[in-house]
C-alpha cells in the first residue's frame, strides 16, 4: 500500500502543476521538457493522458497557438487537436491510451506539405517514470527526425530528471545533434518548486557546434490564487568565452477551473516604449463529459 501511495504522489508531483499548462508558462521557466507541460505532448504524445478535458490558448498580438484535449470515455483513451506556435509545424491531431500499464500515444500533422508523425511510450512504476518517443517531420522549410528518452525519479522532495535526444536534420542543412542533460527539481510549499539543470549539445556534419546550457528557475504559489514564476538561462559555447543569458519573469492566476498566465517583459524597466506583456496563456479544465 505504501508503494502505491508513493507512486500516486510521484505522478502528482513530477510537474507540480498537473492541470494548468501552456506555452506562456514554459517560455517563462525556459525548462524545456524536463518539466511536464501540455506543450511537451508534441514530444511525448503519450502524456496527453495527463491533460484530459482541457482547453488552452496562448496570445501575443493574436492567437499564437491553441488546443483541446478531450476524454469522452477514459476506457478508450484521450483525443486531442492543437496548433503549434511555429506555424510551419502546422495543425496536429493526437491520441493516447493506457495499454497493459503502458501509456501509448500517437500524433500526426496532416497539413499539406508539412507532414509530421510521432509515437511515444511511457511507464510509471512506483516512484519512477520513463518516456520514450520518436518524431519525424517533412516540411517545406525543414525536414528532420528525433529520438528522445527521459527518465524521472522522485526521492523525498526532489525530482531527478536525466534526458537524452538524438536529432538528424536533412534540410535546410544536413547534420546530427546529440543532446544530453539533467535537472534537479526541489518541491517547496504550496505545490511550488525550484529547479537547476544543465544540458550539453553537440552538432556535427554540415553544422559543427558545441554548447552548454544552464537553466534555473522557480514557480511559487504565493496564495490560493496567485503564482509567481521566473526562469534564468545561460548558454556557453565550447570555449566558455562567449555566453548569452536571459531572465524571464511571469505571474499566474488560478480561478476555479480557469488559469491565466502572463509572461512579463523585463525590457519595460529600461525602455518605456516596450510593452509590459510578452504573452498571455489561458487554460480551462472542463472536467468530465
C-alpha atoms as a PDB file:
ATOM      1  CA  UNK A   1       0.000   0.000   0.000  1.00  0.00           C
ATOM      2  CA  UNK A   2       2.824   2.422   0.848  1.00  0.00           C
ATOM      3  CA  UNK A   3       4.369   1.869  -2.606  1.00  0.00           C
ATOM      4  CA  UNK A   4       1.052   2.584  -4.293  1.00  0.00           C
ATOM      5  CA  UNK A   5       0.637   5.828  -2.342  1.00  0.00           C
ATOM      6  CA  UNK A   6       4.190   6.835  -3.193  1.00  0.00           C
ATOM      7  CA  UNK A   7       3.551   6.214  -6.891  1.00  0.00           C
ATOM      8  CA  UNK A   8       0.420   8.372  -6.793  1.00  0.00           C
ATOM      9  CA  UNK A   9       2.322  11.160  -5.049  1.00  0.00           C
ATOM     10  CA  UNK A  10       5.044  10.981  -7.683  1.00  0.00           C
ATOM     11  CA  UNK A  11       2.582  11.325 -10.540  1.00  0.00           C
ATOM     12  CA  UNK A  12       1.071  14.411  -8.919  1.00  0.00           C
ATOM     13  CA  UNK A  13       4.382  15.981  -8.047  1.00  0.00           C
ATOM     14  CA  UNK A  14       6.580  15.335 -11.073  1.00  0.00           C
ATOM     15  CA  UNK A  15       5.342  18.528 -12.717  1.00  0.00           C
ATOM     16  CA  UNK A  16       3.816  20.044  -9.557  1.00  0.00           C
ATOM     17  CA  UNK A  17       1.171  21.624 -11.790  1.00  0.00           C
ATOM     18  CA  UNK A  18      -0.834  18.716 -13.193  1.00  0.00           C
ATOM     19  CA  UNK A  19      -3.796  20.661 -14.588  1.00  0.00           C
ATOM     20  CA  UNK A  20      -2.743  24.099 -15.872  1.00  0.00           C
ATOM     21  CA  UNK A  21      -0.134  24.467 -18.581  1.00  0.00           C
ATOM     22  CA  UNK A  22       0.667  26.444 -21.743  1.00  0.00           C
ATOM     23  CA  UNK A  23       3.458  27.945 -23.861  1.00  0.00           C
ATOM     24  CA  UNK A  24       3.403  31.185 -21.847  1.00  0.00           C
ATOM     25  CA  UNK A  25       4.249  29.314 -18.655  1.00  0.00           C
ATOM     26  CA  UNK A  26       7.101  27.393 -20.255  1.00  0.00           C
ATOM     27  CA  UNK A  27       8.553  30.367 -22.128  1.00  0.00           C
ATOM     28  CA  UNK A  28       8.913  31.968 -18.699  1.00  0.00           C
ATOM     29  CA  UNK A  29      10.503  28.973 -16.964  1.00  0.00           C
ATOM     30  CA  UNK A  30      12.654  28.003 -20.014  1.00  0.00           C
ATOM     31  CA  UNK A  31      12.961  24.472 -18.617  1.00  0.00           C
ATOM     32  CA  UNK A  32      12.193  22.575 -21.823  1.00  0.00           C
ATOM     33  CA  UNK A  33      10.688  19.111 -21.423  1.00  0.00           C
ATOM     34  CA  UNK A  34      12.482  18.483 -18.124  1.00  0.00           C
ATOM     35  CA  UNK A  35       9.252  19.752 -16.515  1.00  0.00           C
ATOM     36  CA  UNK A  36       5.944  18.319 -17.674  1.00  0.00           C
ATOM     37  CA  UNK A  37       3.655  20.707 -19.508  1.00  0.00           C
ATOM     38  CA  UNK A  38       0.909  20.406 -22.069  1.00  0.00           C
ATOM     39  CA  UNK A  39       3.206  21.760 -24.812  1.00  0.00           C
ATOM     40  CA  UNK A  40       5.540  18.792 -24.380  1.00  0.00           C
ATOM     41  CA  UNK A  41       2.878  16.458 -25.758  1.00  0.00           C
ATOM     42  CA  UNK A  42       4.465  17.403 -29.093  1.00  0.00           C
ATOM     43  CA  UNK A  43       7.464  15.380 -27.914  1.00  0.00           C
ATOM     44  CA  UNK A  44       5.647  12.825 -25.743  1.00  0.00           C
ATOM     45  CA  UNK A  45       2.146  12.229 -27.178  1.00  0.00           C
ATOM     46  CA  UNK A  46       1.522   9.576 -24.505  1.00  0.00           C
ATOM     47  CA  UNK A  47       1.393  12.410 -21.926  1.00  0.00           C
ATOM     48  CA  UNK A  48      -1.932  13.555 -23.386  1.00  0.00           C
ATOM     49  CA  UNK A  49      -3.441  11.219 -20.782  1.00  0.00           C
ATOM     50  CA  UNK A  50      -2.365  13.654 -18.073  1.00  0.00           C
ATOM     51  CA  UNK A  51      -4.220  16.644 -19.554  1.00  0.00           C
ATOM     52  CA  UNK A  52      -7.651  15.156 -20.232  1.00  0.00           C
ATOM     53  CA  UNK A  53     -10.553  17.553 -20.831  1.00  0.00           C
ATOM     54  CA  UNK A  54      -8.571  20.733 -21.157  1.00  0.00           C
ATOM     55  CA  UNK A  55      -8.651  23.749 -23.468  1.00  0.00           C
ATOM     56  CA  UNK A  56      -5.610  26.039 -23.824  1.00  0.00           C
ATOM     57  CA  UNK A  57      -4.686  29.157 -25.764  1.00  0.00           C
ATOM     58  CA  UNK A  58      -1.689  31.495 -25.954  1.00  0.00           C
ATOM     59  CA  UNK A  59      -1.993  35.074 -27.178  1.00  0.00           C
ATOM     60  CA  UNK A  60       0.640  37.556 -28.323  1.00  0.00           C
ATOM     61  CA  UNK A  61      -0.561  40.092 -30.914  1.00  0.00           C
ATOM     62  CA  UNK A  62      -3.131  37.456 -31.873  1.00  0.00           C
ATOM     63  CA  UNK A  63      -3.795  33.785 -31.157  1.00  0.00           C
ATOM     64  CA  UNK A  64      -0.369  32.156 -31.088  1.00  0.00           C
ATOM     65  CA  UNK A  65      -1.428  28.568 -30.562  1.00  0.00           C
ATOM     66  CA  UNK A  66      -4.417  26.672 -29.237  1.00  0.00           C
ATOM     67  CA  UNK A  67      -5.585  23.161 -28.493  1.00  0.00           C
ATOM     68  CA  UNK A  68      -8.211  20.967 -26.921  1.00  0.00           C
ATOM     69  CA  UNK A  69      -7.810  17.588 -25.234  1.00  0.00           C
ATOM     70  CA  UNK A  70     -10.932  15.535 -24.549  1.00  0.00           C
ATOM     71  CA  UNK A  71     -11.812  12.215 -22.936  1.00  0.00           C
ATOM     72  CA  UNK A  72     -15.349  11.125 -23.918  1.00  0.00           C
ATOM     73  CA  UNK A  73     -14.717   7.778 -22.186  1.00  0.00           C
ATOM     74  CA  UNK A  74     -11.495   7.187 -20.188  1.00  0.00           C
ATOM     75  CA  UNK A  75     -11.568   3.496 -21.080  1.00  0.00           C
ATOM     76  CA  UNK A  76     -10.987   4.367 -24.737  1.00  0.00           C
ATOM     77  CA  UNK A  77      -8.226   6.920 -24.191  1.00  0.00           C
ATOM     78  CA  UNK A  78      -7.752  10.609 -24.979  1.00  0.00           C
ATOM     79  CA  UNK A  79      -8.118  12.503 -28.253  1.00  0.00           C
ATOM     80  CA  UNK A  80      -6.616  15.908 -28.973  1.00  0.00           C
ATOM     81  CA  UNK A  81      -6.022  18.538 -31.625  1.00  0.00           C
ATOM     82  CA  UNK A  82      -3.728  21.545 -31.382  1.00  0.00           C
ATOM     83  CA  UNK A  83      -1.950  24.234 -33.397  1.00  0.00           C
ATOM     84  CA  UNK A  84       1.773  24.749 -32.825  1.00  0.00           C
ATOM     85  CA  UNK A  85       3.148  28.256 -32.178  1.00  0.00           C
ATOM     86  CA  UNK A  86       5.578  27.559 -35.051  1.00  0.00           C
ATOM     87  CA  UNK A  87       3.145  27.878 -37.951  1.00  0.00           C
ATOM     88  CA  UNK A  88       5.259  25.779 -40.303  1.00  0.00           C
ATOM     89  CA  UNK A  89       4.775  22.800 -37.991  1.00  0.00           C
ATOM     90  CA  UNK A  90       1.055  23.035 -38.575  1.00  0.00           C
ATOM     91  CA  UNK A  91      -2.047  21.550 -37.114  1.00  0.00           C
ATOM     92  CA  UNK A  92      -1.852  18.313 -35.121  1.00  0.00           C
ATOM     93  CA  UNK A  93      -4.164  15.530 -34.025  1.00  0.00           C
ATOM     94  CA  UNK A  94      -3.271  13.058 -31.307  1.00  0.00           C
ATOM     95  CA  UNK A  95      -4.489  10.011 -29.442  1.00  0.00           C
ATOM     96  CA  UNK A  96      -3.264   8.322 -26.256  1.00  0.00           C
ATOM     97  CA  UNK A  97      -4.404   5.278 -24.302  1.00  0.00           C
ATOM     98  CA  UNK A  98      -3.144   3.129 -21.447  1.00  0.00           C
ATOM     99  CA  UNK A  99      -2.460  -0.457 -22.563  1.00  0.00           C
ATOM    100  CA  UNK A 100      -1.184  -3.087 -20.115  1.00  0.00           C
ATOM    101  CA  UNK A 101       0.076  -0.350 -17.746  1.00  0.00           C
ATOM    102  CA  UNK A 102       1.932   1.436 -20.565  1.00  0.00           C
ATOM    103  CA  UNK A 103       0.891   4.879 -21.820  1.00  0.00           C
ATOM    104  CA  UNK A 104       0.939   4.837 -25.625  1.00  0.00           C
ATOM    105  CA  UNK A 105       0.463   7.954 -27.765  1.00  0.00           C
ATOM    106  CA  UNK A 106       0.373   8.912 -31.435  1.00  0.00           C
ATOM    107  CA  UNK A 107       0.418  12.337 -33.094  1.00  0.00           C
ATOM    108  CA  UNK A 108       0.008  13.397 -36.712  1.00  0.00           C
ATOM    109  CA  UNK A 109       0.377  16.705 -38.536  1.00  0.00           C
ATOM    110  CA  UNK A 110      -1.599  16.206 -41.762  1.00  0.00           C
ATOM    111  CA  UNK A 111      -1.089  19.715 -43.193  1.00  0.00           C
ATOM    112  CA  UNK A 112      -0.285  19.908 -46.896  1.00  0.00           C
ATOM    113  CA  UNK A 113       3.499  19.896 -47.497  1.00  0.00           C
ATOM    114  CA  UNK A 114       4.110  19.778 -43.718  1.00  0.00           C
ATOM    115  CA  UNK A 115       3.688  16.177 -42.637  1.00  0.00           C
ATOM    116  CA  UNK A 116       4.662  15.161 -39.121  1.00  0.00           C
ATOM    117  CA  UNK A 117       4.337  11.923 -37.183  1.00  0.00           C
ATOM    118  CA  UNK A 118       5.161  10.986 -33.606  1.00  0.00           C
ATOM    119  CA  UNK A 119       4.882   7.920 -31.400  1.00  0.00           C
ATOM    120  CA  UNK A 120       5.627   7.662 -27.703  1.00  0.00           C
ATOM    121  CA  UNK A 121       5.516   5.101 -24.915  1.00  0.00           C
ATOM    122  CA  UNK A 122       5.675   5.795 -21.174  1.00  0.00           C
ATOM    123  CA  UNK A 123       5.555   3.787 -17.983  1.00  0.00           C
ATOM    124  CA  UNK A 124       5.049   4.831 -14.369  1.00  0.00           C
ATOM    125  CA  UNK A 125       6.413   2.379 -11.823  1.00  0.00           C
ATOM    126  CA  UNK A 126       6.362   3.309  -8.163  1.00  0.00           C
ATOM    127  CA  UNK A 127       8.497   6.475  -7.772  1.00  0.00           C
ATOM    128  CA  UNK A 128       9.889   6.422 -11.316  1.00  0.00           C
ATOM    129  CA  UNK A 129       8.705   7.468 -14.752  1.00  0.00           C
ATOM    130  CA  UNK A 130      10.148   6.623 -18.170  1.00  0.00           C
ATOM    131  CA  UNK A 131       9.189   8.240 -21.505  1.00  0.00           C
ATOM    132  CA  UNK A 132      10.498   7.265 -24.946  1.00  0.00           C
ATOM    133  CA  UNK A 133       9.437   8.873 -28.216  1.00  0.00           C
ATOM    134  CA  UNK A 134      10.263   9.148 -31.894  1.00  0.00           C
ATOM    135  CA  UNK A 135       9.191  12.053 -34.121  1.00  0.00           C
ATOM    136  CA  UNK A 136       9.666  12.846 -37.775  1.00  0.00           C
ATOM    137  CA  UNK A 137       8.714  15.936 -39.783  1.00  0.00           C
ATOM    138  CA  UNK A 138       8.840  16.614 -43.525  1.00  0.00           C
ATOM    139  CA  UNK A 139       8.004  20.234 -44.318  1.00  0.00           C
ATOM    140  CA  UNK A 140       8.624  22.948 -46.853  1.00  0.00           C
ATOM    141  CA  UNK A 141      11.231  24.736 -44.727  1.00  0.00           C
ATOM    142  CA  UNK A 142      12.737  21.842 -42.763  1.00  0.00           C
ATOM    143  CA  UNK A 143      12.940  18.073 -42.555  1.00  0.00           C
ATOM    144  CA  UNK A 144      14.139  16.134 -39.508  1.00  0.00           C
ATOM    145  CA  UNK A 145      13.778  13.086 -37.255  1.00  0.00           C
ATOM    146  CA  UNK A 146      14.289  12.922 -33.492  1.00  0.00           C
ATOM    147  CA  UNK A 147      14.568  10.213 -30.814  1.00  0.00           C
ATOM    148  CA  UNK A 148      14.109  11.221 -27.151  1.00  0.00           C
ATOM    149  CA  UNK A 149      14.320   9.328 -23.895  1.00  0.00           C
ATOM    150  CA  UNK A 150      13.540  10.863 -20.496  1.00  0.00           C
ATOM    151  CA  UNK A 151      13.686   9.292 -17.059  1.00  0.00           C
ATOM    152  CA  UNK A 152      12.397  10.825 -13.838  1.00  0.00           C
ATOM    153  CA  UNK A 153      12.722   9.656 -10.262  1.00  0.00           C
ATOM    154  CA  UNK A 154      11.248  11.042  -7.074  1.00  0.00           C
ATOM    155  CA  UNK A 155      13.471  10.960  -3.987  1.00  0.00           C
ATOM    156  CA  UNK A 156      11.785  12.581  -0.998  1.00  0.00           C
ATOM    157  CA  UNK A 157      11.096  16.217  -2.018  1.00  0.00           C
ATOM    158  CA  UNK A 158      13.346  16.016  -5.082  1.00  0.00           C
ATOM    159  CA  UNK A 159      12.694  15.026  -8.686  1.00  0.00           C
ATOM    160  CA  UNK A 160      15.764  13.993 -10.672  1.00  0.00           C
ATOM    161  CA  UNK A 161      15.303  14.056 -14.460  1.00  0.00           C
ATOM    162  CA  UNK A 162      18.062  12.951 -16.864  1.00  0.00           C
ATOM    163  CA  UNK A 163      17.297  13.201 -20.596  1.00  0.00           C
ATOM    164  CA  UNK A 164      18.929  12.309 -23.922  1.00  0.00           C
ATOM    165  CA  UNK A 165      17.902  13.035 -27.509  1.00  0.00           C
ATOM    166  CA  UNK A 166      19.359  12.468 -30.939  1.00  0.00           C
ATOM    167  CA  UNK A 167      18.103  14.506 -33.882  1.00  0.00           C
ATOM    168  CA  UNK A 168      19.071  14.399 -37.514  1.00  0.00           C
ATOM    169  CA  UNK A 169      18.188  17.325 -39.752  1.00  0.00           C
ATOM    170  CA  UNK A 170      18.006  16.702 -43.504  1.00  0.00           C
ATOM    171  CA  UNK A 171      17.162  20.237 -44.652  1.00  0.00           C
ATOM    172  CA  UNK A 172      17.903  23.120 -44.963  1.00  0.00           C
ATOM    173  CA  UNK A 173      21.287  21.672 -43.866  1.00  0.00           C
ATOM    174  CA  UNK A 174      22.206  18.086 -43.110  1.00  0.00           C
ATOM    175  CA  UNK A 175      23.614  17.462 -39.647  1.00  0.00           C
ATOM    176  CA  UNK A 176      23.148  15.395 -36.491  1.00  0.00           C
ATOM    177  CA  UNK A 177      22.703  16.641 -32.938  1.00  0.00           C
ATOM    178  CA  UNK A 178      23.278  14.845 -29.632  1.00  0.00           C
ATOM    179  CA  UNK A 179      21.780  16.458 -26.527  1.00  0.00           C
ATOM    180  CA  UNK A 180      22.256  15.152 -23.002  1.00  0.00           C
ATOM    181  CA  UNK A 181      21.241  16.835 -19.776  1.00  0.00           C
ATOM    182  CA  UNK A 182      19.789  16.520 -16.308  1.00  0.00           C
ATOM    183  CA  UNK A 183      17.637  18.560 -13.968  1.00  0.00           C
ATOM    184  CA  UNK A 184      17.111  18.505 -10.205  1.00  0.00           C
ATOM    185  CA  UNK A 185      13.777  19.850  -9.014  1.00  0.00           C
ATOM    186  CA  UNK A 186      13.065  20.658  -5.356  1.00  0.00           C
ATOM    187  CA  UNK A 187       9.435  20.775  -4.282  1.00  0.00           C
ATOM    188  CA  UNK A 188       8.575  23.648  -1.968  1.00  0.00           C
ATOM    189  CA  UNK A 189       5.494  24.913  -0.172  1.00  0.00           C
ATOM    190  CA  UNK A 190       2.057  25.094  -1.774  1.00  0.00           C
ATOM    191  CA  UNK A 191       2.864  22.839  -4.753  1.00  0.00           C
ATOM    192  CA  UNK A 192       5.698  25.093  -5.904  1.00  0.00           C
ATOM    193  CA  UNK A 193       9.223  24.168  -6.936  1.00  0.00           C
ATOM    194  CA  UNK A 194      12.713  25.396  -7.717  1.00  0.00           C
ATOM    195  CA  UNK A 195      14.967  23.698 -10.247  1.00  0.00           C
ATOM    196  CA  UNK A 196      18.507  23.633 -11.608  1.00  0.00           C
ATOM    197  CA  UNK A 197      19.576  21.923 -14.812  1.00  0.00           C
ATOM    198  CA  UNK A 198      22.475  21.620 -17.218  1.00  0.00           C
ATOM    199  CA  UNK A 199      22.477  20.441 -20.832  1.00  0.00           C
ATOM    200  CA  UNK A 200      25.230  19.729 -23.353  1.00  0.00           C
ATOM    201  CA  UNK A 201      24.615  19.848 -27.131  1.00  0.00           C
ATOM    202  CA  UNK A 202      26.937  18.620 -29.893  1.00  0.00           C
ATOM    203  CA  UNK A 203      26.213  19.048 -33.605  1.00  0.00           C
ATOM    204  CA  UNK A 204      28.273  17.621 -36.449  1.00  0.00           C
ATOM    205  CA  UNK A 205      28.457  17.249 -40.268  1.00  0.00           C
ATOM    206  CA  UNK A 206      27.385  20.437 -42.091  1.00  0.00           C
ATOM    207  CA  UNK A 207      26.826  22.216 -38.753  1.00  0.00           C
ATOM    208  CA  UNK A 208      29.582  21.826 -36.149  1.00  0.00           C
ATOM    209  CA  UNK A 209      28.718  23.330 -32.809  1.00  0.00           C
ATOM    210  CA  UNK A 210      29.130  22.591 -29.093  1.00  0.00           C
ATOM    211  CA  UNK A 211      27.251  24.379 -26.348  1.00  0.00           C
ATOM    212  CA  UNK A 212      26.389  24.081 -22.689  1.00  0.00           C
ATOM    213  CA  UNK A 213      23.172  25.462 -21.271  1.00  0.00           C
ATOM    214  CA  UNK A 214      22.483  26.090 -17.584  1.00  0.00           C
ATOM    215  CA  UNK A 215      18.920  26.823 -16.577  1.00  0.00           C
ATOM    216  CA  UNK A 216      17.298  27.507 -13.245  1.00  0.00           C
ATOM    217  CA  UNK A 217      14.027  28.938 -12.008  1.00  0.00           C
ATOM    218  CA  UNK A 218      11.192  28.965  -9.534  1.00  0.00           C
ATOM    219  CA  UNK A 219       7.435  28.596  -9.547  1.00  0.00           C
ATOM    220  CA  UNK A 220       5.880  29.609  -6.246  1.00  0.00           C
ATOM    221  CA  UNK A 221       2.238  29.637  -5.248  1.00  0.00           C
ATOM    222  CA  UNK A 222       2.006  32.697  -3.014  1.00  0.00           C
ATOM    223  CA  UNK A 223      -1.694  32.201  -2.293  1.00  0.00           C
ATOM    224  CA  UNK A 224      -4.650  30.113  -3.427  1.00  0.00           C
ATOM    225  CA  UNK A 225      -4.995  32.351  -6.499  1.00  0.00           C
ATOM    226  CA  UNK A 226      -1.603  33.875  -7.240  1.00  0.00           C
ATOM    227  CA  UNK A 227       1.506  32.191  -8.721  1.00  0.00           C
ATOM    228  CA  UNK A 228       4.899  33.836  -9.173  1.00  0.00           C
ATOM    229  CA  UNK A 229       7.487  32.360 -11.536  1.00  0.00           C
ATOM    230  CA  UNK A 230      10.863  33.241 -13.012  1.00  0.00           C
ATOM    231  CA  UNK A 231      13.346  31.441 -15.241  1.00  0.00           C
ATOM    232  CA  UNK A 232      17.046  32.094 -15.831  1.00  0.00           C
ATOM    233  CA  UNK A 233      19.052  30.561 -18.677  1.00  0.00           C
ATOM    234  CA  UNK A 234      22.677  30.935 -19.724  1.00  0.00           C
ATOM    235  CA  UNK A 235      24.300  29.431 -22.833  1.00  0.00           C
ATOM    236  CA  UNK A 236      28.043  28.922 -23.334  1.00  0.00           C
ATOM    237  CA  UNK A 237      29.955  27.844 -26.411  1.00  0.00           C
ATOM    238  CA  UNK A 238      32.601  25.121 -26.126  1.00  0.00           C
ATOM    239  CA  UNK A 239      35.318  27.622 -25.162  1.00  0.00           C
ATOM    240  CA  UNK A 240      33.181  29.123 -22.372  1.00  0.00           C
ATOM    241  CA  UNK A 241      34.269  32.536 -23.665  1.00  0.00           C
ATOM    242  CA  UNK A 242      31.036  33.587 -25.332  1.00  0.00           C
ATOM    243  CA  UNK A 243      27.928  33.401 -23.215  1.00  0.00           C
ATOM    244  CA  UNK A 244      24.369  34.620 -23.546  1.00  0.00           C
ATOM    245  CA  UNK A 245      21.942  34.748 -20.679  1.00  0.00           C
ATOM    246  CA  UNK A 246      18.356  35.793 -20.150  1.00  0.00           C
ATOM    247  CA  UNK A 247      15.896  36.264 -17.318  1.00  0.00           C
ATOM    248  CA  UNK A 248      12.159  35.865 -17.854  1.00  0.00           C
ATOM    249  CA  UNK A 249       9.570  36.804 -15.174  1.00  0.00           C
ATOM    250  CA  UNK A 250       5.906  35.852 -15.116  1.00  0.00           C
ATOM    251  CA  UNK A 251       2.795  35.555 -12.964  1.00  0.00           C
ATOM    252  CA  UNK A 252      -0.291  33.373 -12.923  1.00  0.00           C
ATOM    253  CA  UNK A 253      -3.841  33.470 -11.569  1.00  0.00           C
ATOM    254  CA  UNK A 254      -5.943  30.424 -10.677  1.00  0.00           C
ATOM    255  CA  UNK A 255      -9.704  30.980 -10.563  1.00  0.00           C
ATOM    256  CA  UNK A 256     -11.617  27.738 -10.111  1.00  0.00           C
ATOM    257  CA  UNK A 257     -11.227  25.819 -13.386  1.00  0.00           C
ATOM    258  CA  UNK A 258      -9.590  28.764 -15.187  1.00  0.00           C
ATOM    259  CA  UNK A 259      -5.924  29.690 -15.343  1.00  0.00           C
ATOM    260  CA  UNK A 260      -4.417  32.933 -16.651  1.00  0.00           C
ATOM    261  CA  UNK A 261      -0.649  33.113 -17.105  1.00  0.00           C
ATOM    262  CA  UNK A 262       1.318  36.213 -18.080  1.00  0.00           C
ATOM    263  CA  UNK A 263       4.856  36.435 -19.449  1.00  0.00           C
ATOM    264  CA  UNK A 264       6.179  39.837 -18.383  1.00  0.00           C
ATOM    265  CA  UNK A 265       8.608  41.878 -20.477  1.00  0.00           C
ATOM    266  CA  UNK A 266      11.610  42.866 -18.357  1.00  0.00           C
ATOM    267  CA  UNK A 267      12.768  45.312 -21.072  1.00  0.00           C
ATOM    268  CA  UNK A 268       9.910  47.578 -19.998  1.00  0.00           C
ATOM    269  CA  UNK A 269      12.043  48.563 -16.990  1.00  0.00           C
ATOM    270  CA  UNK A 270      14.609  50.153 -19.312  1.00  0.00           C
ATOM    271  CA  UNK A 271      12.507  51.276 -22.248  1.00  0.00           C
ATOM    272  CA  UNK A 272       9.059  52.843 -21.702  1.00  0.00           C
ATOM    273  CA  UNK A 273       8.143  52.217 -25.340  1.00  0.00           C
ATOM    274  CA  UNK A 274       8.249  48.457 -24.783  1.00  0.00           C
ATOM    275  CA  UNK A 275       5.016  46.649 -23.932  1.00  0.00           C
ATOM    276  CA  UNK A 276       4.782  45.262 -20.408  1.00  0.00           C
ATOM    277  CA  UNK A 277       3.382  41.901 -21.540  1.00  0.00           C
ATOM    278  CA  UNK A 278       5.014  39.368 -23.872  1.00  0.00           C
ATOM    279  CA  UNK A 279       2.178  36.852 -23.974  1.00  0.00           C
ATOM    280  CA  UNK A 280      -0.915  35.558 -22.199  1.00  0.00           C
ATOM    281  CA  UNK A 281      -1.731  31.911 -21.586  1.00  0.00           C
ATOM    282  CA  UNK A 282      -5.313  30.829 -20.941  1.00  0.00           C
ATOM    283  CA  UNK A 283      -6.435  27.406 -19.743  1.00  0.00           C
ATOM    284  CA  UNK A 284      -9.786  25.893 -18.888  1.00  0.00           C
ATOM    285  CA  UNK A 285     -10.331  22.457 -17.412  1.00  0.00           C
ATOM    286  CA  UNK A 286     -13.884  21.480 -18.377  1.00  0.00           C
ATOM    287  CA  UNK A 287     -13.989  18.184 -16.479  1.00  0.00           C
ATOM    288  CA  UNK A 288     -15.794  15.028 -17.497  1.00  0.00           C
ATOM    289  CA  UNK A 289     -18.217  14.881 -20.408  1.00  0.00           C
END
